[in-house]
């Protein structure tokens, strides 16, 4: 489920991801550690991106759930 969160640096779209078997590895922007796509995590992007919504979606990042709660 996707939600919106008003944070100090703007409004963010936040979506919980259950994990999948794609085998991708992301880097969590909160801790800089690997995040396997098979791990439940959060995908987040700014709704109010400086150059438009499309840029916000293109700049979405995959976060460990705990890191997102800590740093956002």
Protein backbone atom coordinates (compact mmCIF):
# COMPACT_ATOMS: atom_id res chain seq x y z
CA UNK A 1 0.00 0.00 0.00
CA UNK A 2 1.30 3.45 -0.91
CA UNK A 3 0.97 6.33 1.53
CA UNK A 4 2.04 9.97 1.60
CA UNK A 5 4.16 11.40 4.37
CA UNK A 6 4.87 15.06 5.05
CA UNK A 7 8.49 15.27 6.11
CA UNK A 8 10.76 18.27 6.75
CA UNK A 9 12.16 18.08 3.21
CA UNK A 10 8.83 17.69 1.42
CA UNK A 11 6.00 15.25 0.82
CA UNK A 12 7.09 11.69 0.09
CA UNK A 13 5.30 8.73 -1.45
CA UNK A 14 6.13 5.67 0.62
CA UNK A 15 5.36 2.11 -0.42
CA UNK A 16 6.00 -1.05 1.57
CA UNK A 17 7.44 -3.86 -0.55
CA UNK A 18 7.04 -7.47 0.59
CA UNK A 19 10.12 -8.62 -1.31
CA UNK A 20 10.44 -10.65 -4.50
CA UNK A 21 12.68 -13.15 -6.23
CA UNK A 22 14.15 -10.80 -8.87
CA UNK A 23 17.60 -11.12 -7.34
CA UNK A 24 18.35 -7.39 -7.47
CA UNK A 25 20.57 -5.71 -4.92
CA UNK A 26 19.93 -2.09 -3.95
CA UNK A 27 21.98 0.21 -1.72
CA UNK A 28 20.00 1.65 1.18
CA UNK A 29 20.55 5.45 1.28
CA UNK A 30 20.15 5.40 5.06
CA UNK A 31 22.97 3.04 5.99
CA UNK A 32 24.82 2.46 2.71
CA UNK A 33 24.46 -1.33 3.05
CA UNK A 34 23.18 -3.85 0.51
CA UNK A 35 19.44 -4.45 0.39
CA UNK A 36 18.33 -7.61 -1.41
CA UNK A 37 15.08 -7.34 -3.34
CA UNK A 38 13.90 -10.47 -1.49
CA UNK A 39 13.93 -8.56 1.82
CA UNK A 40 10.77 -6.67 2.86
CA UNK A 41 11.59 -2.96 2.58
CA UNK A 42 10.32 0.53 1.68
CA UNK A 43 10.46 2.33 -1.66
CA UNK A 44 10.17 6.10 -1.30
CA UNK A 45 10.30 9.17 -3.55
CA UNK A 46 9.46 12.85 -3.28
CA UNK A 47 6.07 13.85 -4.61
CA UNK A 48 7.20 17.44 -4.89
CA UNK A 49 10.40 16.87 -6.86
CA UNK A 50 12.10 20.03 -8.05
CA UNK A 51 11.76 19.13 -11.74
CA UNK A 52 8.37 17.43 -11.65
CA UNK A 53 6.69 14.24 -10.50
CA UNK A 54 8.37 12.11 -13.16
CA UNK A 55 11.80 13.05 -11.79
CA UNK A 56 10.61 12.19 -8.28
CA UNK A 57 9.48 8.72 -9.36
CA UNK A 58 12.70 8.16 -11.33
CA UNK A 59 14.72 9.07 -8.24
CA UNK A 60 12.89 6.62 -5.96
CA UNK A 61 15.09 4.73 -3.52
CA UNK A 62 14.85 1.40 -1.76
CA UNK A 63 15.31 1.69 2.02
CA UNK A 64 15.55 -0.80 4.87
CA UNK A 65 12.30 -0.15 6.77
CA UNK A 66 14.21 0.61 9.97
CA UNK A 67 16.55 3.05 8.20
CA UNK A 68 13.65 4.95 6.64
CA UNK A 69 12.00 5.35 10.04
CA UNK A 70 15.29 6.54 11.55
CA UNK A 71 16.43 8.97 8.85
CA UNK A 72 13.15 10.24 7.44
